[in-house]
Amino acid sequence: MKKILIVDDQVEVRELVQVTLEIGDYQILVAENGQQAIEIAQAEHPDIILLDIMMPGSNIDGLQACRHLKEDPATADITIVMLSAKGQENDIEAGRAAGADDYFTKPFSPIALIEKVESVLDQ
């Protein structure tokens, strides 16, 4: 069973992504900030992390968490898909510069999310 870590500061988004992905055969893990994401990734080593870029009020935002995870040899191989409400080119470039493997824009349809996760896991 594939593990997916959902990281977003908004509980509504975490719940929507979790409910959407529970349709599949995935073990779902959740974190509400970058620090929790790092801790859970180190302990659980998920197959994919869906990581929000912007997390106001958090000590570590998504870009910082991504950079940390990709620089750590223990977690560098985890696939990271950045999630953002901004689909601007500079956000995509910032995510890739931090080490993200892919990018997905919010809001999204449940079908598009499932297709994105499946395509990333199939790579």
PDB file of N, CA and C in Angstrom:
ATOM      1  N   MET A   1       0.848  -1.175   0.000  1.00  0.00           N
ATOM      2  CA  MET A   1       0.000   0.000   0.000  1.00  0.00           C
ATOM      3  C   MET A   1       0.895   1.240   0.000  1.00  0.00           C
ATOM      4  N   LYS A   2       0.618   2.155  -0.908  1.00  0.00           N
ATOM      5  CA  LYS A   2       1.390   3.394  -1.028  1.00  0.00           C
ATOM      6  C   LYS A   2       0.980   4.379   0.062  1.00  0.00           C
ATOM      7  N   LYS A   3       1.982   5.089   0.604  1.00  0.00           N
ATOM      8  CA  LYS A   3       1.726   6.109   1.622  1.00  0.00           C
ATOM      9  C   LYS A   3       1.772   7.482   0.978  1.00  0.00           C
ATOM     10  N   ILE A   4       0.790   8.300   1.332  1.00  0.00           N
ATOM     11  CA  ILE A   4       0.723   9.672   0.841  1.00  0.00           C
ATOM     12  C   ILE A   4       0.637  10.603   2.047  1.00  0.00           C
ATOM     13  N   LEU A   5       1.555  11.576   2.101  1.00  0.00           N
ATOM     14  CA  LEU A   5       1.537  12.594   3.152  1.00  0.00           C
ATOM     15  C   LEU A   5       0.931  13.866   2.579  1.00  0.00           C
ATOM     16  N   ILE A   6      -0.130  14.341   3.199  1.00  0.00           N
ATOM     17  CA  ILE A   6      -0.814  15.571   2.809  1.00  0.00           C
ATOM     18  C   ILE A   6      -0.387  16.661   3.781  1.00  0.00           C
ATOM     19  N   VAL A   7       0.144  17.775   3.247  1.00  0.00           N
ATOM     20  CA  VAL A   7       0.607  18.865   4.095  1.00  0.00           C
ATOM     21  C   VAL A   7      -0.059  20.162   3.645  1.00  0.00           C
ATOM     22  N   ASP A   8      -0.895  20.700   4.504  1.00  0.00           N
ATOM     23  CA  ASP A   8      -1.558  21.969   4.211  1.00  0.00           C
ATOM     24  C   ASP A   8      -1.967  22.592   5.537  1.00  0.00           C
ATOM     25  N   ASP A   9      -1.859  23.909   5.643  1.00  0.00           N
ATOM     26  CA  ASP A   9      -2.223  24.585   6.884  1.00  0.00           C
ATOM     27  C   ASP A   9      -3.731  24.731   7.055  1.00  0.00           C
ATOM     28  N   GLN A  10      -4.487  24.517   5.987  1.00  0.00           N
ATOM     29  CA  GLN A  10      -5.939  24.642   6.061  1.00  0.00           C
ATOM     30  C   GLN A  10      -6.574  23.263   6.237  1.00  0.00           C
ATOM     31  N   VAL A  11      -7.289  23.103   7.338  1.00  0.00           N
ATOM     32  CA  VAL A  11      -7.903  21.818   7.658  1.00  0.00           C
ATOM     33  C   VAL A  11      -8.881  21.387   6.571  1.00  0.00           C
ATOM     34  N   GLU A  12      -9.594  22.333   5.970  1.00  0.00           N
ATOM     35  CA  GLU A  12     -10.561  21.989   4.928  1.00  0.00           C
ATOM     36  C   GLU A  12      -9.878  21.360   3.719  1.00  0.00           C
ATOM     37  N   VAL A  13      -8.729  21.889   3.355  1.00  0.00           N
ATOM     38  CA  VAL A  13      -7.989  21.342   2.216  1.00  0.00           C
ATOM     39  C   VAL A  13      -7.457  19.953   2.553  1.00  0.00           C
ATOM     40  N   ARG A  14      -6.884  19.806   3.743  1.00  0.00           N
ATOM     41  CA  ARG A  14      -6.378  18.484   4.153  1.00  0.00           C
ATOM     42  C   ARG A  14      -7.487  17.452   4.117  1.00  0.00           C
ATOM     43  N   GLU A  15      -8.652  17.810   4.646  1.00  0.00           N
ATOM     44  CA  GLU A  15      -9.769  16.866   4.683  1.00  0.00           C
ATOM     45  C   GLU A  15     -10.274  16.533   3.284  1.00  0.00           C
ATOM     46  N   LEU A  16     -10.369  17.532   2.406  1.00  0.00           N
ATOM     47  CA  LEU A  16     -10.817  17.286   1.039  1.00  0.00           C
ATOM     48  C   LEU A  16      -9.858  16.350   0.302  1.00  0.00           C
ATOM     49  N   VAL A  17      -8.564  16.609   0.420  1.00  0.00           N
ATOM     50  CA  VAL A  17      -7.577  15.753  -0.239  1.00  0.00           C
ATOM     51  C   VAL A  17      -7.623  14.354   0.354  1.00  0.00           C
ATOM     52  N   GLN A  18      -7.724  14.250   1.670  1.00  0.00           N
ATOM     53  CA  GLN A  18      -7.770  12.945   2.327  1.00  0.00           C
ATOM     54  C   GLN A  18      -8.983  12.140   1.884  1.00  0.00           C
ATOM     55  N   VAL A  19     -10.159  12.750   1.912  1.00  0.00           N
ATOM     56  CA  VAL A  19     -11.385  12.049   1.507  1.00  0.00           C
ATOM     57  C   VAL A  19     -11.291  11.623   0.043  1.00  0.00           C
ATOM     58  N   THR A  20     -10.749  12.493  -0.795  1.00  0.00           N
ATOM     59  CA  THR A  20     -10.609  12.175  -2.218  1.00  0.00           C
ATOM     60  C   THR A  20      -9.699  10.973  -2.424  1.00  0.00           C
ATOM     61  N   LEU A  21      -8.566  10.954  -1.734  1.00  0.00           N
ATOM     62  CA  LEU A  21      -7.586   9.888  -1.959  1.00  0.00           C
ATOM     63  C   LEU A  21      -7.915   8.591  -1.227  1.00  0.00           C
ATOM     64  N   GLU A  22      -8.791   8.658  -0.237  1.00  0.00           N
ATOM     65  CA  GLU A  22      -9.175   7.434   0.469  1.00  0.00           C
ATOM     66  C   GLU A  22      -9.944   6.480  -0.432  1.00  0.00           C
ATOM     67  N   ILE A  23     -10.403   6.970  -1.575  1.00  0.00           N
ATOM     68  CA  ILE A  23     -11.058   6.098  -2.553  1.00  0.00           C
ATOM     69  C   ILE A  23     -10.076   5.050  -3.058  1.00  0.00           C
ATOM     70  N   GLY A  24      -8.823   5.458  -3.193  1.00  0.00           N
ATOM     71  CA  GLY A  24      -7.779   4.545  -3.665  1.00  0.00           C
ATOM     72  C   GLY A  24      -7.236   3.698  -2.532  1.00  0.00           C
ATOM     73  N   ASP A  25      -6.293   2.863  -2.867  1.00  0.00           N
ATOM     74  CA  ASP A  25      -5.676   1.966  -1.895  1.00  0.00           C
ATOM     75  C   ASP A  25      -4.401   2.627  -1.356  1.00  0.00           C
ATOM     76  N   TYR A  26      -4.588   3.712  -0.584  1.00  0.00           N
ATOM     77  CA  TYR A  26      -3.470   4.471  -0.054  1.00  0.00           C
ATOM     78  C   TYR A  26      -3.570   4.580   1.455  1.00  0.00           C
ATOM     79  N   GLN A  27      -2.418   4.617   2.097  1.00  0.00           N
ATOM     80  CA  GLN A  27      -2.373   4.979   3.510  1.00  0.00           C
ATOM     81  C   GLN A  27      -2.149   6.483   3.547  1.00  0.00           C
ATOM     82  N   ILE A  28      -3.045   7.213   4.194  1.00  0.00           N
ATOM     83  CA  ILE A  28      -2.993   8.663   4.208  1.00  0.00           C
ATOM     84  C   ILE A  28      -2.410   9.153   5.535  1.00  0.00           C
ATOM     85  N   LEU A  29      -1.413  10.018   5.427  1.00  0.00           N
ATOM     86  CA  LEU A  29      -0.807  10.687   6.569  1.00  0.00           C
ATOM     87  C   LEU A  29      -1.075  12.178   6.393  1.00  0.00           C
ATOM     88  N   VAL A  30      -1.199  12.931   7.486  1.00  0.00           N
ATOM     89  CA  VAL A  30      -1.468  14.360   7.369  1.00  0.00           C
ATOM     90  C   VAL A  30      -0.547  15.167   8.284  1.00  0.00           C
ATOM     91  N   ALA A  31      -0.227  16.369   7.812  1.00  0.00           N
ATOM     92  CA  ALA A  31       0.551  17.332   8.598  1.00  0.00           C
ATOM     93  C   ALA A  31      -0.007  18.709   8.310  1.00  0.00           C
ATOM     94  N   GLU A  32       0.065  19.584   9.305  1.00  0.00           N
ATOM     95  CA  GLU A  32      -0.487  20.918   9.123  1.00  0.00           C
ATOM     96  C   GLU A  32       0.569  21.989   8.918  1.00  0.00           C
ATOM     97  N   ASN A  33       1.849  21.616   8.946  1.00  0.00           N
ATOM     98  CA  ASN A  33       2.905  22.594   8.684  1.00  0.00           C
ATOM     99  C   ASN A  33       4.178  21.886   8.216  1.00  0.00           C
ATOM    100  N   GLY A  34       5.144  22.692   7.806  1.00  0.00           N
ATOM    101  CA  GLY A  34       6.384  22.147   7.267  1.00  0.00           C
ATOM    102  C   GLY A  34       7.179  21.323   8.258  1.00  0.00           C
ATOM    103  N   GLN A  35       7.235  21.759   9.515  1.00  0.00           N
ATOM    104  CA  GLN A  35       7.986  21.009  10.529  1.00  0.00           C
ATOM    105  C   GLN A  35       7.377  19.623  10.741  1.00  0.00           C
ATOM    106  N   GLN A  36       6.058  19.550  10.845  1.00  0.00           N
ATOM    107  CA  GLN A  36       5.401  18.246  10.984  1.00  0.00           C
ATOM    108  C   GLN A  36       5.653  17.386   9.753  1.00  0.00           C
ATOM    109  N   ALA A  37       5.651  17.998   8.584  1.00  0.00           N
ATOM    110  CA  ALA A  37       5.897  17.251   7.341  1.00  0.00           C
ATOM    111  C   ALA A  37       7.269  16.593   7.376  1.00  0.00           C
ATOM    112  N   ILE A  38       8.268  17.339   7.803  1.00  0.00           N
ATOM    113  CA  ILE A  38       9.628  16.793   7.881  1.00  0.00           C
ATOM    114  C   ILE A  38       9.678  15.635   8.864  1.00  0.00           C
ATOM    115  N   GLU A  39       9.092  15.814  10.039  1.00  0.00           N
ATOM    116  CA  GLU A  39       9.102  14.774  11.067  1.00  0.00           C
ATOM    117  C   GLU A  39       8.390  13.506  10.599  1.00  0.00           C
ATOM    118  N   ILE A  40       7.216  13.669   9.997  1.00  0.00           N
ATOM    119  CA  ILE A  40       6.459  12.513   9.524  1.00  0.00           C
ATOM    120  C   ILE A  40       7.181  11.827   8.369  1.00  0.00           C
ATOM    121  N   ALA A  41       7.738  12.619   7.460  1.00  0.00           N
ATOM    122  CA  ALA A  41       8.468  12.036   6.320  1.00  0.00           C
ATOM    123  C   ALA A  41       9.659  11.225   6.798  1.00  0.00           C
ATOM    124  N   GLN A  42      10.376  11.714   7.792  1.00  0.00           N
ATOM    125  CA  GLN A  42      11.525  10.985   8.310  1.00  0.00           C
ATOM    126  C   GLN A  42      11.100   9.690   9.006  1.00  0.00           C
ATOM    127  N   ALA A  43       9.984   9.727   9.709  1.00  0.00           N
ATOM    128  CA  ALA A  43       9.519   8.557  10.457  1.00  0.00           C
ATOM    129  C   ALA A  43       8.800   7.533   9.580  1.00  0.00           C
ATOM    130  N   GLU A  44       8.002   8.002   8.630  1.00  0.00           N
ATOM    131  CA  GLU A  44       7.118   7.124   7.861  1.00  0.00           C
ATOM    132  C   GLU A  44       7.572   6.865   6.424  1.00  0.00           C
ATOM    133  N   HIS A  45       8.439   7.688   5.897  1.00  0.00           N
ATOM    134  CA  HIS A  45       8.939   7.618   4.525  1.00  0.00           C
ATOM    135  C   HIS A  45       7.818   7.345   3.516  1.00  0.00           C
ATOM    136  N   PRO A  46       6.930   8.357   3.318  1.00  0.00           N
ATOM    137  CA  PRO A  46       5.834   8.168   2.363  1.00  0.00           C
ATOM    138  C   PRO A  46       6.351   8.069   0.929  1.00  0.00           C
ATOM    139  N   ASP A  47       5.520   7.543   0.056  1.00  0.00           N
ATOM    140  CA  ASP A  47       5.874   7.440  -1.365  1.00  0.00           C
ATOM    141  C   ASP A  47       5.752   8.786  -2.061  1.00  0.00           C
ATOM    142  N   ILE A  48       4.823   9.602  -1.589  1.00  0.00           N
ATOM    143  CA  ILE A  48       4.595  10.911  -2.192  1.00  0.00           C
ATOM    144  C   ILE A  48       4.149  11.881  -1.100  1.00  0.00           C
ATOM    145  N   ILE A  49       4.576  13.136  -1.260  1.00  0.00           N
ATOM    146  CA  ILE A  49       4.137  14.205  -0.368  1.00  0.00           C
ATOM    147  C   ILE A  49       3.436  15.254  -1.214  1.00  0.00           C
ATOM    148  N   LEU A  50       2.204  15.579  -0.842  1.00  0.00           N
ATOM    149  CA  LEU A  50       1.451  16.673  -1.453  1.00  0.00           C
ATOM    150  C   LEU A  50       1.637  17.854  -0.504  1.00  0.00           C
ATOM    151  N   LEU A  51       2.458  18.817  -0.905  1.00  0.00           N
ATOM    152  CA  LEU A  51       2.971  19.840   0.000  1.00  0.00           C
ATOM    153  C   LEU A  51       2.546  21.239  -0.428  1.00  0.00           C
ATOM    154  N   ASP A  52       1.774  21.905   0.423  1.00  0.00           N
ATOM    155  CA  ASP A  52       1.343  23.276   0.161  1.00  0.00           C
ATOM    156  C   ASP A  52       2.554  24.204   0.223  1.00  0.00           C
ATOM    157  N   ILE A  53       2.633  25.141  -0.707  1.00  0.00           N
ATOM    158  CA  ILE A  53       3.744  26.100  -0.709  1.00  0.00           C
ATOM    159  C   ILE A  53       3.589  27.110   0.420  1.00  0.00           C
ATOM    160  N   MET A  54       2.437  27.751   0.486  1.00  0.00           N
ATOM    161  CA  MET A  54       2.205  28.836   1.438  1.00  0.00           C
ATOM    162  C   MET A  54       1.554  28.304   2.712  1.00  0.00           C
ATOM    163  N   MET A  55       2.215  28.507   3.838  1.00  0.00           N
ATOM    164  CA  MET A  55       1.646  28.126   5.121  1.00  0.00           C
ATOM    165  C   MET A  55       1.918  29.254   6.110  1.00  0.00           C
ATOM    166  N   PRO A  56       1.122  30.337   6.028  1.00  0.00           N
ATOM    167  CA  PRO A  56       1.334  31.489   6.915  1.00  0.00           C
ATOM    168  C   PRO A  56       1.273  31.075   8.386  1.00  0.00           C
ATOM    169  N   GLY A  57       2.129  31.668   9.170  1.00  0.00           N
ATOM    170  CA  GLY A  57       2.133  31.363  10.589  1.00  0.00           C
ATOM    171  C   GLY A  57       2.977  30.157  10.947  1.00  0.00           C
ATOM    172  N   SER A  58       3.462  29.449   9.949  1.00  0.00           N
ATOM    173  CA  SER A  58       4.293  28.278  10.189  1.00  0.00           C
ATOM    174  C   SER A  58       5.762  28.699  10.195  1.00  0.00           C
ATOM    175  N   ASN A  59       6.553  28.060  11.028  1.00  0.00           N
ATOM    176  CA  ASN A  59       7.985  28.355  11.062  1.00  0.00           C
ATOM    177  C   ASN A  59       8.669  27.922   9.774  1.00  0.00           C
ATOM    178  N   ILE A  60       8.146  26.897   9.136  1.00  0.00           N
ATOM    179  CA  ILE A  60       8.738  26.365   7.914  1.00  0.00           C
ATOM    180  C   ILE A  60       7.639  26.264   6.865  1.00  0.00           C
ATOM    181  N   ASP A  61       7.772  27.012   5.763  1.00  0.00           N
ATOM    182  CA  ASP A  61       6.778  26.923   4.701  1.00  0.00           C
ATOM    183  C   ASP A  61       7.081  25.721   3.801  1.00  0.00           C
ATOM    184  N   GLY A  62       6.257  25.532   2.785  1.00  0.00           N
ATOM    185  CA  GLY A  62       6.411  24.374   1.919  1.00  0.00           C
ATOM    186  C   GLY A  62       7.718  24.351   1.153  1.00  0.00           C
ATOM    187  N   LEU A  63       8.174  25.514   0.702  1.00  0.00           N
ATOM    188  CA  LEU A  63       9.441  25.568  -0.043  1.00  0.00           C
ATOM    189  C   LEU A  63      10.614  25.186   0.854  1.00  0.00           C
ATOM    190  N   GLN A  64      10.613  25.695   2.080  1.00  0.00           N
ATOM    191  CA  GLN A  64      11.684  25.357   3.021  1.00  0.00           C
ATOM    192  C   GLN A  64      11.643  23.876   3.385  1.00  0.00           C
ATOM    193  N   ALA A  65      10.449  23.351   3.603  1.00  0.00           N
ATOM    194  CA  ALA A  65      10.315  21.930   3.931  1.00  0.00           C
ATOM    195  C   ALA A  65      10.786  21.068   2.770  1.00  0.00           C
ATOM    196  N   CYS A  66      10.412  21.441   1.551  1.00  0.00           N
ATOM    197  CA  CYS A  66      10.822  20.701   0.366  1.00  0.00           C
ATOM    198  C   CYS A  66      12.344  20.683   0.258  1.00  0.00           C
ATOM    199  N   ARG A  67      12.943  21.841   0.395  1.00  0.00           N
ATOM    200  CA  ARG A  67      14.397  21.954   0.317  1.00  0.00           C
ATOM    201  C   ARG A  67      15.065  21.052   1.361  1.00  0.00           C
ATOM    202  N   HIS A  68      14.553  21.105   2.588  1.00  0.00           N
ATOM    203  CA  HIS A  68      15.113  20.285   3.677  1.00  0.00           C
ATOM    204  C   HIS A  68      14.998  18.794   3.356  1.00  0.00           C
ATOM    205  N   LEU A  69      13.819  18.378   2.909  1.00  0.00           N
ATOM    206  CA  LEU A  69      13.598  16.960   2.601  1.00  0.00           C
ATOM    207  C   LEU A  69      14.478  16.473   1.459  1.00  0.00           C
ATOM    208  N   LYS A  70      14.669  17.302   0.449  1.00  0.00           N
ATOM    209  CA  LYS A  70      15.477  16.899  -0.705  1.00  0.00           C
ATOM    210  C   LYS A  70      16.974  16.918  -0.397  1.00  0.00           C
ATOM    211  N   GLU A  71      17.396  17.703   0.597  1.00  0.00           N
ATOM    212  CA  GLU A  71      18.804  17.747   0.981  1.00  0.00           C
ATOM    213  C   GLU A  71      19.179  16.631   1.951  1.00  0.00           C
ATOM    214  N   ASP A  72      18.194  16.036   2.601  1.00  0.00           N
ATOM    215  CA  ASP A  72      18.433  14.957   3.560  1.00  0.00           C
ATOM    216  C   ASP A  72      18.484  13.629   2.813  1.00  0.00           C
ATOM    217  N   PRO A  73      19.611  12.921   2.846  1.00  0.00           N
ATOM    218  CA  PRO A  73      19.712  11.652   2.116  1.00  0.00           C
ATOM    219  C   PRO A  73      18.634  10.631   2.493  1.00  0.00           C
ATOM    220  N   ALA A  74      18.117  10.710   3.715  1.00  0.00           N
ATOM    221  CA  ALA A  74      17.101   9.757   4.164  1.00  0.00           C
ATOM    222  C   ALA A  74      15.738  10.005   3.523  1.00  0.00           C
ATOM    223  N   THR A  75      15.503  11.216   3.034  1.00  0.00           N
ATOM    224  CA  THR A  75      14.193  11.549   2.462  1.00  0.00           C
ATOM    225  C   THR A  75      14.288  12.095   1.028  1.00  0.00           C
ATOM    226  N   ALA A  76      15.468  12.190   0.496  1.00  0.00           N
ATOM    227  CA  ALA A  76      15.675  12.815  -0.821  1.00  0.00           C
ATOM    228  C   ALA A  76      14.939  12.102  -1.946  1.00  0.00           C
ATOM    229  N   ASP A  77      14.673  10.811  -1.790  1.00  0.00           N
ATOM    230  CA  ASP A  77      14.023  10.050  -2.859  1.00  0.00           C
ATOM    231  C   ASP A  77      12.495  10.121  -2.823  1.00  0.00           C
ATOM    232  N   ILE A  78      11.931  10.782  -1.822  1.00  0.00           N
ATOM    233  CA  ILE A  78      10.473  10.909  -1.738  1.00  0.00           C
ATOM    234  C   ILE A  78       9.993  11.891  -2.805  1.00  0.00           C
ATOM    235  N   THR A  79       8.972  11.510  -3.541  1.00  0.00           N
ATOM    236  CA  THR A  79       8.400  12.376  -4.564  1.00  0.00           C
ATOM    237  C   THR A  79       7.575  13.474  -3.892  1.00  0.00           C
ATOM    238  N   ILE A  80       7.868  14.725  -4.251  1.00  0.00           N
ATOM    239  CA  ILE A  80       7.158  15.863  -3.677  1.00  0.00           C
ATOM    240  C   ILE A  80       6.415  16.605  -4.781  1.00  0.00           C
ATOM    241  N   VAL A  81       5.097  16.758  -4.579  1.00  0.00           N
ATOM    242  CA  VAL A  81       4.259  17.539  -5.478  1.00  0.00           C
ATOM    243  C   VAL A  81       3.820  18.770  -4.702  1.00  0.00           C
ATOM    244  N   MET A  82       4.227  19.938  -5.182  1.00  0.00           N
ATOM    245  CA  MET A  82       3.847  21.184  -4.533  1.00  0.00           C
ATOM    246  C   MET A  82       2.408  21.519  -4.890  1.00  0.00           C
ATOM    247  N   LEU A  83       1.650  21.966  -3.884  1.00  0.00           N
ATOM    248  CA  LEU A  83       0.268  22.419  -4.075  1.00  0.00           C
ATOM    249  C   LEU A  83       0.225  23.912  -3.814  1.00  0.00           C
ATOM    250  N   SER A  84      -0.452  24.645  -4.675  1.00  0.00           N
ATOM    251  CA  SER A  84      -0.561  26.074  -4.449  1.00  0.00           C
ATOM    252  C   SER A  84      -1.813  26.635  -5.096  1.00  0.00           C
ATOM    253  N   ALA A  85      -2.362  27.647  -4.453  1.00  0.00           N
ATOM    254  CA  ALA A  85      -3.500  28.353  -5.039  1.00  0.00           C
ATOM    255  C   ALA A  85      -3.027  29.281  -6.143  1.00  0.00           C
ATOM    256  N   LYS A  86      -1.739  29.483  -6.213  1.00  0.00           N
ATOM    257  CA  LYS A  86      -1.161  30.329  -7.250  1.00  0.00           C
ATOM    258  C   LYS A  86      -0.584  29.440  -8.343  1.00  0.00           C
ATOM    259  N   GLY A  87      -0.994  29.675  -9.556  1.00  0.00           N
ATOM    260  CA  GLY A  87      -0.456  28.891 -10.663  1.00  0.00           C
ATOM    261  C   GLY A  87       0.525  29.689 -11.488  1.00  0.00           C
ATOM    262  N   GLN A  88       1.112  30.695 -10.875  1.00  0.00           N
ATOM    263  CA  GLN A  88       2.014  31.570 -11.603  1.00  0.00           C
ATOM    264  C   GLN A  88       3.346  30.879 -11.871  1.00  0.00           C
ATOM    265  N   GLU A  89       3.950  31.231 -12.975  1.00  0.00           N
ATOM    266  CA  GLU A  89       5.200  30.607 -13.398  1.00  0.00           C
ATOM    267  C   GLU A  89       6.301  30.736 -12.343  1.00  0.00           C
ATOM    268  N   ASN A  90       6.380  31.886 -11.652  1.00  0.00           N
ATOM    269  CA  ASN A  90       7.436  32.047 -10.654  1.00  0.00           C
ATOM    270  C   ASN A  90       7.234  31.112  -9.456  1.00  0.00           C
ATOM    271  N   ASP A  91       5.987  30.764  -9.128  1.00  0.00           N
ATOM    272  CA  ASP A  91       5.729  29.799  -8.055  1.00  0.00           C
ATOM    273  C   ASP A  91       6.179  28.403  -8.473  1.00  0.00           C
ATOM    274  N   ILE A  92       5.905  28.060  -9.715  1.00  0.00           N
ATOM    275  CA  ILE A  92       6.326  26.758 -10.230  1.00  0.00           C
ATOM    276  C   ILE A  92       7.850  26.673 -10.230  1.00  0.00           C
ATOM    277  N   GLU A  93       8.505  27.730 -10.679  1.00  0.00           N
ATOM    278  CA  GLU A  93       9.968  27.761 -10.697  1.00  0.00           C
ATOM    279  C   GLU A  93      10.545  27.683  -9.288  1.00  0.00           C
ATOM    280  N   ALA A  94       9.916  28.380  -8.335  1.00  0.00           N
ATOM    281  CA  ALA A  94      10.387  28.336  -6.949  1.00  0.00           C
ATOM    282  C   ALA A  94      10.257  26.929  -6.382  1.00  0.00           C
ATOM    283  N   GLY A  95       9.157  26.259  -6.695  1.00  0.00           N
ATOM    284  CA  GLY A  95       8.974  24.878  -6.243  1.00  0.00           C
ATOM    285  C   GLY A  95      10.017  23.942  -6.827  1.00  0.00           C
ATOM    286  N   ARG A  96      10.269  24.075  -8.101  1.00  0.00           N
ATOM    287  CA  ARG A  96      11.274  23.229  -8.747  1.00  0.00           C
ATOM    288  C   ARG A  96      12.675  23.523  -8.210  1.00  0.00           C
ATOM    289  N   ALA A  97      12.965  24.809  -7.961  1.00  0.00           N
ATOM    290  CA  ALA A  97      14.271  25.187  -7.408  1.00  0.00           C
ATOM    291  C   ALA A  97      14.463  24.598  -6.011  1.00  0.00           C
ATOM    292  N   ALA A  98      13.371  24.431  -5.286  1.00  0.00           N
ATOM    293  CA  ALA A  98      13.438  23.832  -3.947  1.00  0.00           C
ATOM    294  C   ALA A  98      13.566  22.318  -4.008  1.00  0.00           C
ATOM    295  N   GLY A  99      13.367  21.742  -5.205  1.00  0.00           N
ATOM    296  CA  GLY A  99      13.522  20.301  -5.366  1.00  0.00           C
ATOM    297  C   GLY A  99      12.244  19.545  -5.643  1.00  0.00           C
ATOM    298  N   ALA A 100      11.114  20.251  -5.775  1.00  0.00           N
ATOM    299  CA  ALA A 100       9.836  19.580  -6.025  1.00  0.00           C
ATOM    300  C   ALA A 100       9.883  18.813  -7.345  1.00  0.00           C
ATOM    301  N   ASP A 101       9.227  17.669  -7.358  1.00  0.00           N
ATOM    302  CA  ASP A 101       9.184  16.829  -8.544  1.00  0.00           C
ATOM    303  C   ASP A 101       8.053  17.214  -9.485  1.00  0.00           C
ATOM    304  N   ASP A 102       7.007  17.846  -8.934  1.00  0.00           N
ATOM    305  CA  ASP A 102       5.861  18.228  -9.750  1.00  0.00           C
ATOM    306  C   ASP A 102       5.113  19.339  -9.031  1.00  0.00           C
ATOM    307  N   TYR A 103       4.057  19.841  -9.673  1.00  0.00           N
ATOM    308  CA  TYR A 103       3.323  20.993  -9.184  1.00  0.00           C
ATOM    309  C   TYR A 103       1.847  20.793  -9.520  1.00  0.00           C
ATOM    310  N   PHE A 104       0.957  21.177  -8.585  1.00  0.00           N
ATOM    311  CA  PHE A 104      -0.475  21.023  -8.808  1.00  0.00           C
ATOM    312  C   PHE A 104      -1.178  22.245  -8.230  1.00  0.00           C
ATOM    313  N   THR A 105      -2.076  22.826  -9.000  1.00  0.00           N
ATOM    314  CA  THR A 105      -2.733  24.062  -8.603  1.00  0.00           C
ATOM    315  C   THR A 105      -4.077  23.805  -7.932  1.00  0.00           C
ATOM    316  N   LYS A 106      -4.319  24.510  -6.818  1.00  0.00           N
ATOM    317  CA  LYS A 106      -5.612  24.501  -6.139  1.00  0.00           C
ATOM    318  C   LYS A 106      -6.417  25.685  -6.649  1.00  0.00           C
ATOM    319  N   PRO A 107      -7.717  25.648  -6.663  1.00  0.00           N
ATOM    320  CA  PRO A 107      -8.557  24.489  -6.372  1.00  0.00           C
ATOM    321  C   PRO A 107      -8.471  23.471  -7.495  1.00  0.00           C
ATOM    322  N   PHE A 108      -8.843  22.255  -7.182  1.00  0.00           N
ATOM    323  CA  PHE A 108      -8.744  21.165  -8.148  1.00  0.00           C
ATOM    324  C   PHE A 108      -9.988  20.299  -8.050  1.00  0.00           C
ATOM    325  N   SER A 109     -10.237  19.567  -9.111  1.00  0.00           N
ATOM    326  CA  SER A 109     -11.338  18.604  -9.061  1.00  0.00           C
ATOM    327  C   SER A 109     -10.795  17.315  -8.452  1.00  0.00           C
ATOM    328  N   PRO A 110     -11.626  16.567  -7.769  1.00  0.00           N
ATOM    329  CA  PRO A 110     -11.176  15.294  -7.212  1.00  0.00           C
ATOM    330  C   PRO A 110     -10.589  14.362  -8.273  1.00  0.00           C
ATOM    331  N   ILE A 111     -11.186  14.332  -9.442  1.00  0.00           N
ATOM    332  CA  ILE A 111     -10.684  13.459 -10.509  1.00  0.00           C
ATOM    333  C   ILE A 111      -9.289  13.890 -10.936  1.00  0.00           C
ATOM    334  N   ALA A 112      -9.073  15.198 -11.084  1.00  0.00           N
ATOM    335  CA  ALA A 112      -7.748  15.695 -11.475  1.00  0.00           C
ATOM    336  C   ALA A 112      -6.700  15.354 -10.419  1.00  0.00           C
ATOM    337  N   LEU A 113      -7.067  15.443  -9.142  1.00  0.00           N
ATOM    338  CA  LEU A 113      -6.132  15.098  -8.068  1.00  0.00           C
ATOM    339  C   LEU A 113      -5.760  13.619  -8.128  1.00  0.00           C
ATOM    340  N   ILE A 114      -6.748  12.759  -8.267  1.00  0.00           N
ATOM    341  CA  ILE A 114      -6.484  11.320  -8.353  1.00  0.00           C
ATOM    342  C   ILE A 114      -5.603  11.011  -9.561  1.00  0.00           C
ATOM    343  N   GLU A 115      -5.896  11.629 -10.696  1.00  0.00           N
ATOM    344  CA  GLU A 115      -5.079  11.408 -11.891  1.00  0.00           C
ATOM    345  C   GLU A 115      -3.640  11.868 -11.674  1.00  0.00           C
ATOM    346  N   LYS A 116      -3.450  13.013 -11.017  1.00  0.00           N
ATOM    347  CA  LYS A 116      -2.103  13.524 -10.751  1.00  0.00           C
ATOM    348  C   LYS A 116      -1.333  12.553  -9.853  1.00  0.00           C
ATOM    349  N   VAL A 117      -1.954  12.119  -8.765  1.00  0.00           N
ATOM    350  CA  VAL A 117      -1.297  11.209  -7.837  1.00  0.00           C
ATOM    351  C   VAL A 117      -0.936   9.903  -8.527  1.00  0.00           C
ATOM    352  N   GLU A 118      -1.867   9.345  -9.273  1.00  0.00           N
ATOM    353  CA  GLU A 118      -1.606   8.086  -9.977  1.00  0.00           C
ATOM    354  C   GLU A 118      -0.484   8.232 -10.999  1.00  0.00           C
ATOM    355  N   SER A 119      -0.472   9.354 -11.730  1.00  0.00           N
ATOM    356  CA  SER A 119       0.577   9.533 -12.745  1.00  0.00           C
ATOM    357  C   SER A 119       1.941   9.705 -12.093  1.00  0.00           C
ATOM    358  N   VAL A 120       2.004  10.407 -10.975  1.00  0.00           N
ATOM    359  CA  VAL A 120       3.284  10.587 -10.283  1.00  0.00           C
ATOM    360  C   VAL A 120       3.752   9.256  -9.691  1.00  0.00           C
ATOM    361  N   LEU A 121       2.858   8.491  -9.107  1.00  0.00           N
ATOM    362  CA  LEU A 121       3.241   7.207  -8.523  1.00  0.00           C
ATOM    363  C   LEU A 121       3.643   6.182  -9.571  1.00  0.00           C
ATOM    364  N   ASP A 122       3.125   6.323 -10.803  1.00  0.00           N
ATOM    365  CA  ASP A 122       3.464   5.392 -11.867  1.00  0.00           C
ATOM    366  C   ASP A 122       4.814   5.669 -12.508  1.00  0.00           C
ATOM    367  N   GLN A 123       5.406   6.813 -12.208  1.00  0.00           N
ATOM    368  CA  GLN A 123       6.686   7.189 -12.827  1.00  0.00           C
ATOM    369  C   GLN A 123       7.824   6.376 -12.275  1.00  0.00           C
TER     370      GLN A 123
END
